[in-house]
Amino acid sequence: MNKTATAVVTAAVSWAIALWACYVFLASLPYKFTRHPDTQHIFGTIGAWLEGVLGRAVGRWFADFGPFVVGGFELLTSLVLLLPALLWVVAKIRATENAGARAKCHCIGGLMAAAVMSGAVFFHLFTPLGVEVLHQGQSDGGSLFYAAVSILALGLVMFALNLKLAFPFALRRR
């Protein structure tokens, strides 16, 4: 495959991953920012576990403010992942080039998405929350866990795909 075709495939795969991550992150924000009962259950369960590990203050803080902190980071990550679309529009309006912005934003955004989802995967696996979240007799069937795993893995793929394009100096042999 030639260099241009590789760049097109990389961009298409990168955008597909970015849109999936943004869909999951942005769809969860109304739950996190309005203190929905499901969100209170999830962060309360993790907060109770943290009380036993790191102390009451940390556990209570996480139960009370964790949804806002995590939701804020997911919103910031979504903005970073979608920023290239805005930059493309601005470049078209100004009739200028914007080379490398997509790769840089997707490289950094992929790492951000993987980071926040590594926390989610950890809490699903190593706390009483579990892979399958049960709340008021209802199960999510593991959907939150599987979405977190997919974004963790795909975020790392997005990072790796875009690293050489975004930061070519980072991969030079010394």
C-alpha atoms as a PDB file:
ATOM      1  CA  MET A   1       0.000   0.000   0.000  1.00  0.00           C
ATOM      2  CA  ASN A   2       1.391   3.417  -0.886  1.00  0.00           C
ATOM      3  CA  LYS A   3       1.852   6.269   1.570  1.00  0.00           C
ATOM      4  CA  THR A   4      -1.337   8.114   0.543  1.00  0.00           C
ATOM      5  CA  ALA A   5      -3.528   5.011   0.797  1.00  0.00           C
ATOM      6  CA  THR A   6      -2.054   4.204   4.200  1.00  0.00           C
ATOM      7  CA  ALA A   7      -2.803   7.731   5.404  1.00  0.00           C
ATOM      8  CA  VAL A   8      -6.414   7.480   4.186  1.00  0.00           C
ATOM      9  CA  VAL A   9      -6.954   4.111   5.889  1.00  0.00           C
ATOM     10  CA  THR A  10      -5.326   5.385   9.082  1.00  0.00           C
ATOM     11  CA  ALA A  11      -7.556   8.463   9.097  1.00  0.00           C
ATOM     12  CA  ALA A  12     -10.711   6.398   8.442  1.00  0.00           C
ATOM     13  CA  VAL A  13      -9.934   3.897  11.191  1.00  0.00           C
ATOM     14  CA  SER A  14      -8.962   6.709  13.544  1.00  0.00           C
ATOM     15  CA  TRP A  15     -12.227   8.576  12.897  1.00  0.00           C
ATOM     16  CA  ALA A  16     -14.273   5.395  13.421  1.00  0.00           C
ATOM     17  CA  ILE A  17     -12.613   4.849  16.793  1.00  0.00           C
ATOM     18  CA  ALA A  18     -12.989   8.520  17.751  1.00  0.00           C
ATOM     19  CA  LEU A  19     -16.694   8.512  16.910  1.00  0.00           C
ATOM     20  CA  TRP A  20     -17.294   5.325  18.926  1.00  0.00           C
ATOM     21  CA  ALA A  21     -15.464   6.726  21.965  1.00  0.00           C
ATOM     22  CA  CYS A  22     -17.285  10.069  21.704  1.00  0.00           C
ATOM     23  CA  TYR A  23     -20.637   8.308  21.372  1.00  0.00           C
ATOM     24  CA  VAL A  24     -20.046   6.339  24.577  1.00  0.00           C
ATOM     25  CA  PHE A  25     -18.577   9.290  26.500  1.00  0.00           C
ATOM     26  CA  LEU A  26     -21.143  11.884  25.449  1.00  0.00           C
ATOM     27  CA  ALA A  27     -24.116   9.542  25.911  1.00  0.00           C
ATOM     28  CA  SER A  28     -23.072   8.939  29.523  1.00  0.00           C
ATOM     29  CA  LEU A  29     -22.727  12.615  30.468  1.00  0.00           C
ATOM     30  CA  PRO A  30     -26.418  13.241  31.261  1.00  0.00           C
ATOM     31  CA  TYR A  31     -26.256  10.329  33.720  1.00  0.00           C
ATOM     32  CA  LYS A  32     -23.034  11.524  35.355  1.00  0.00           C
ATOM     33  CA  PHE A  33     -23.884  15.229  35.483  1.00  0.00           C
ATOM     34  CA  THR A  34     -27.454  14.829  36.819  1.00  0.00           C
ATOM     35  CA  ARG A  35     -26.589  12.298  39.546  1.00  0.00           C
ATOM     36  CA  HIS A  36     -28.814   9.661  37.976  1.00  0.00           C
ATOM     37  CA  PRO A  37     -29.580   6.778  40.396  1.00  0.00           C
ATOM     38  CA  ASP A  38     -27.565   4.336  38.243  1.00  0.00           C
ATOM     39  CA  THR A  39     -24.554   6.659  38.412  1.00  0.00           C
ATOM     40  CA  GLN A  40     -25.001   7.091  42.174  1.00  0.00           C
ATOM     41  CA  HIS A  41     -25.039   3.307  42.525  1.00  0.00           C
ATOM     42  CA  ILE A  42     -21.887   2.801  40.432  1.00  0.00           C
ATOM     43  CA  PHE A  43     -19.813   5.562  42.023  1.00  0.00           C
ATOM     44  CA  GLY A  44     -21.258   4.802  45.475  1.00  0.00           C
ATOM     45  CA  THR A  45     -20.201   1.154  45.170  1.00  0.00           C
ATOM     46  CA  ILE A  46     -16.689   2.170  44.134  1.00  0.00           C
ATOM     47  CA  GLY A  47     -16.617   4.870  46.837  1.00  0.00           C
ATOM     48  CA  ALA A  48     -17.556   2.324  49.520  1.00  0.00           C
ATOM     49  CA  TRP A  49     -14.756   0.053  48.296  1.00  0.00           C
ATOM     50  CA  LEU A  50     -12.296   2.968  48.299  1.00  0.00           C
ATOM     51  CA  GLU A  51     -13.264   3.755  51.915  1.00  0.00           C
ATOM     52  CA  GLY A  52     -11.903   0.359  52.913  1.00  0.00           C
ATOM     53  CA  VAL A  53      -8.730   0.809  50.856  1.00  0.00           C
ATOM     54  CA  LEU A  54      -7.837   4.526  51.065  1.00  0.00           C
ATOM     55  CA  GLY A  55     -10.024   5.800  53.901  1.00  0.00           C
ATOM     56  CA  ARG A  56     -13.425   7.332  54.464  1.00  0.00           C
ATOM     57  CA  ALA A  57     -12.580  10.791  53.098  1.00  0.00           C
ATOM     58  CA  VAL A  58     -11.344   9.461  49.743  1.00  0.00           C
ATOM     59  CA  GLY A  59     -14.271   7.056  49.391  1.00  0.00           C
ATOM     60  CA  ARG A  60     -16.894   9.702  50.180  1.00  0.00           C
ATOM     61  CA  TRP A  61     -15.202  12.211  47.878  1.00  0.00           C
ATOM     62  CA  PHE A  62     -15.190   9.720  45.009  1.00  0.00           C
ATOM     63  CA  ALA A  63     -18.836   8.769  45.582  1.00  0.00           C
ATOM     64  CA  ASP A  64     -19.873  12.441  45.654  1.00  0.00           C
ATOM     65  CA  PHE A  65     -17.602  14.040  43.048  1.00  0.00           C
ATOM     66  CA  GLY A  66     -16.272  11.132  40.961  1.00  0.00           C
ATOM     67  CA  PRO A  67     -19.081  11.321  38.393  1.00  0.00           C
ATOM     68  CA  PHE A  68     -18.290  14.993  37.712  1.00  0.00           C
ATOM     69  CA  VAL A  69     -14.527  14.472  37.498  1.00  0.00           C
ATOM     70  CA  VAL A  70     -14.792  11.394  35.265  1.00  0.00           C
ATOM     71  CA  GLY A  71     -17.549  12.987  33.177  1.00  0.00           C
ATOM     72  CA  GLY A  72     -15.502  16.168  32.813  1.00  0.00           C
ATOM     73  CA  PHE A  73     -12.479  14.195  31.626  1.00  0.00           C
ATOM     74  CA  GLU A  74     -14.655  12.230  29.174  1.00  0.00           C
ATOM     75  CA  LEU A  75     -16.064  15.513  27.851  1.00  0.00           C
ATOM     76  CA  LEU A  76     -12.555  16.941  27.466  1.00  0.00           C
ATOM     77  CA  THR A  77     -11.436  13.757  25.689  1.00  0.00           C
ATOM     78  CA  SER A  78     -14.403  13.974  23.313  1.00  0.00           C
ATOM     79  CA  LEU A  79     -13.539  17.593  22.515  1.00  0.00           C
ATOM     80  CA  VAL A  80      -9.928  16.632  21.749  1.00  0.00           C
ATOM     81  CA  LEU A  81     -11.099  13.766  19.518  1.00  0.00           C
ATOM     82  CA  LEU A  82     -13.586  15.968  17.636  1.00  0.00           C
ATOM     83  CA  LEU A  83     -11.337  19.045  17.415  1.00  0.00           C
ATOM     84  CA  PRO A  84      -9.852  18.022  14.030  1.00  0.00           C
ATOM     85  CA  ALA A  85     -13.290  18.340  12.417  1.00  0.00           C
ATOM     86  CA  LEU A  86     -13.583  21.931  13.652  1.00  0.00           C
ATOM     87  CA  LEU A  87     -10.015  22.698  12.581  1.00  0.00           C
ATOM     88  CA  TRP A  88     -10.748  21.260   9.131  1.00  0.00           C
ATOM     89  CA  VAL A  89     -13.782  23.542   8.741  1.00  0.00           C
ATOM     90  CA  VAL A  90     -11.776  26.580   9.865  1.00  0.00           C
ATOM     91  CA  ALA A  91      -8.951  25.664   7.462  1.00  0.00           C
ATOM     92  CA  LYS A  92     -11.449  25.361   4.581  1.00  0.00           C
ATOM     93  CA  ILE A  93     -12.992  28.735   5.397  1.00  0.00           C
ATOM     94  CA  ARG A  94      -9.571  30.387   5.549  1.00  0.00           C
ATOM     95  CA  ALA A  95      -8.264  28.376   2.561  1.00  0.00           C
ATOM     96  CA  THR A  96      -5.246  27.206   4.565  1.00  0.00           C
ATOM     97  CA  GLU A  97      -3.646  23.846   5.282  1.00  0.00           C
ATOM     98  CA  ASN A  98      -4.020  22.114   8.609  1.00  0.00           C
ATOM     99  CA  ALA A  99      -1.612  19.214   8.168  1.00  0.00           C
ATOM    100  CA  GLY A 100      -1.132  16.938  11.133  1.00  0.00           C
ATOM    101  CA  ALA A 101      -3.864  18.286  13.401  1.00  0.00           C
ATOM    102  CA  ARG A 102      -6.028  15.165  13.089  1.00  0.00           C
ATOM    103  CA  ALA A 103      -3.160  12.824  13.819  1.00  0.00           C
ATOM    104  CA  LYS A 104      -1.998  14.862  16.827  1.00  0.00           C
ATOM    105  CA  CYS A 105      -5.482  15.194  18.315  1.00  0.00           C
ATOM    106  CA  HIS A 106      -6.295  11.528  17.729  1.00  0.00           C
ATOM    107  CA  CYS A 107      -2.946  10.417  19.122  1.00  0.00           C
ATOM    108  CA  ILE A 108      -3.433  12.427  22.318  1.00  0.00           C
ATOM    109  CA  GLY A 109      -7.188  11.751  22.483  1.00  0.00           C
ATOM    110  CA  GLY A 110      -6.649   8.016  22.022  1.00  0.00           C
ATOM    111  CA  LEU A 111      -4.265   8.001  24.958  1.00  0.00           C
ATOM    112  CA  MET A 112      -6.735  10.046  27.041  1.00  0.00           C
ATOM    113  CA  ALA A 113      -9.601   7.670  26.172  1.00  0.00           C
ATOM    114  CA  ALA A 114      -7.485   4.629  27.046  1.00  0.00           C
ATOM    115  CA  ALA A 115      -6.431   6.231  30.327  1.00  0.00           C
ATOM    116  CA  VAL A 116      -9.940   7.004  31.555  1.00  0.00           C
ATOM    117  CA  MET A 117     -11.211   3.602  30.473  1.00  0.00           C
ATOM    118  CA  SER A 118      -8.309   1.808  32.171  1.00  0.00           C
ATOM    119  CA  GLY A 119      -9.759   3.182  35.402  1.00  0.00           C
ATOM    120  CA  ALA A 120     -13.227   1.941  34.487  1.00  0.00           C
ATOM    121  CA  VAL A 121     -11.925  -1.531  33.607  1.00  0.00           C
ATOM    122  CA  PHE A 122      -9.938  -1.657  36.858  1.00  0.00           C
ATOM    123  CA  PHE A 123     -12.985  -0.764  38.955  1.00  0.00           C
ATOM    124  CA  HIS A 124     -15.170  -3.300  37.150  1.00  0.00           C
ATOM    125  CA  LEU A 125     -12.631  -6.087  37.660  1.00  0.00           C
ATOM    126  CA  PHE A 126     -11.216  -5.405  41.119  1.00  0.00           C
ATOM    127  CA  THR A 127     -14.063  -3.913  43.145  1.00  0.00           C
ATOM    128  CA  PRO A 128     -17.509  -5.173  44.152  1.00  0.00           C
ATOM    129  CA  LEU A 129     -18.924  -3.339  41.104  1.00  0.00           C
ATOM    130  CA  GLY A 130     -18.198  -6.360  38.912  1.00  0.00           C
ATOM    131  CA  VAL A 131     -18.294  -6.922  35.182  1.00  0.00           C
ATOM    132  CA  GLU A 132     -22.077  -7.032  35.206  1.00  0.00           C
ATOM    133  CA  VAL A 133     -23.514  -4.050  37.073  1.00  0.00           C
ATOM    134  CA  LEU A 134     -26.608  -4.981  39.089  1.00  0.00           C
ATOM    135  CA  HIS A 135     -28.841  -2.196  40.371  1.00  0.00           C
ATOM    136  CA  GLN A 136     -32.364  -2.548  41.721  1.00  0.00           C
ATOM    137  CA  GLY A 137     -32.636  -6.053  40.314  1.00  0.00           C
ATOM    138  CA  GLN A 138     -31.622  -4.945  36.828  1.00  0.00           C
ATOM    139  CA  SER A 139     -28.446  -6.020  35.057  1.00  0.00           C
ATOM    140  CA  ASP A 140     -26.593  -4.122  32.380  1.00  0.00           C
ATOM    141  CA  GLY A 141     -25.429  -7.472  30.965  1.00  0.00           C
ATOM    142  CA  GLY A 142     -21.855  -6.224  31.193  1.00  0.00           C
ATOM    143  CA  SER A 143     -22.420  -3.520  28.565  1.00  0.00           C
ATOM    144  CA  LEU A 144     -20.604  -0.809  30.539  1.00  0.00           C
ATOM    145  CA  PHE A 145     -17.609  -3.087  31.100  1.00  0.00           C
ATOM    146  CA  TYR A 146     -17.434  -4.195  27.462  1.00  0.00           C
ATOM    147  CA  ALA A 147     -17.718  -0.612  26.216  1.00  0.00           C
ATOM    148  CA  ALA A 148     -14.870   0.366  28.568  1.00  0.00           C
ATOM    149  CA  VAL A 149     -12.696  -2.529  27.366  1.00  0.00           C
ATOM    150  CA  SER A 150     -13.381  -1.662  23.723  1.00  0.00           C
ATOM    151  CA  ILE A 151     -12.443   1.998  24.213  1.00  0.00           C
ATOM    152  CA  LEU A 152      -9.350   1.063  26.226  1.00  0.00           C
ATOM    153  CA  ALA A 153      -8.119  -1.230  23.455  1.00  0.00           C
ATOM    154  CA  LEU A 154      -9.202   0.984  20.570  1.00  0.00           C
ATOM    155  CA  GLY A 155      -7.789   4.095  22.241  1.00  0.00           C
ATOM    156  CA  LEU A 156      -4.396   2.391  22.348  1.00  0.00           C
ATOM    157  CA  VAL A 157      -4.810   1.392  18.682  1.00  0.00           C
ATOM    158  CA  MET A 158      -5.662   4.997  17.801  1.00  0.00           C
ATOM    159  CA  PHE A 159      -2.617   6.228  19.713  1.00  0.00           C
ATOM    160  CA  ALA A 160      -0.317   3.753  17.947  1.00  0.00           C
ATOM    161  CA  LEU A 161      -1.792   4.437  14.495  1.00  0.00           C
ATOM    162  CA  ASN A 162      -1.290   8.169  14.800  1.00  0.00           C
ATOM    163  CA  LEU A 163       1.949   8.389  16.772  1.00  0.00           C
ATOM    164  CA  LYS A 164       4.310   8.293  13.790  1.00  0.00           C
ATOM    165  CA  LEU A 165       2.205  10.805  11.822  1.00  0.00           C
ATOM    166  CA  ALA A 166       1.694  13.136  14.775  1.00  0.00           C
ATOM    167  CA  PHE A 167       5.137  13.038  16.297  1.00  0.00           C
ATOM    168  CA  PRO A 168       7.636  11.631  13.769  1.00  0.00           C
ATOM    169  CA  PHE A 169      10.572  12.745  15.899  1.00  0.00           C
ATOM    170  CA  ALA A 170       9.392  10.516  18.769  1.00  0.00           C
ATOM    171  CA  LEU A 171      10.097   7.317  16.860  1.00  0.00           C
ATOM    172  CA  ARG A 172      13.506   8.165  15.407  1.00  0.00           C
ATOM    173  CA  ARG A 173      16.279   5.802  16.300  1.00  0.00           C
ATOM    174  CA  ARG A 174      19.127   7.398  18.130  1.00  0.00           C
END
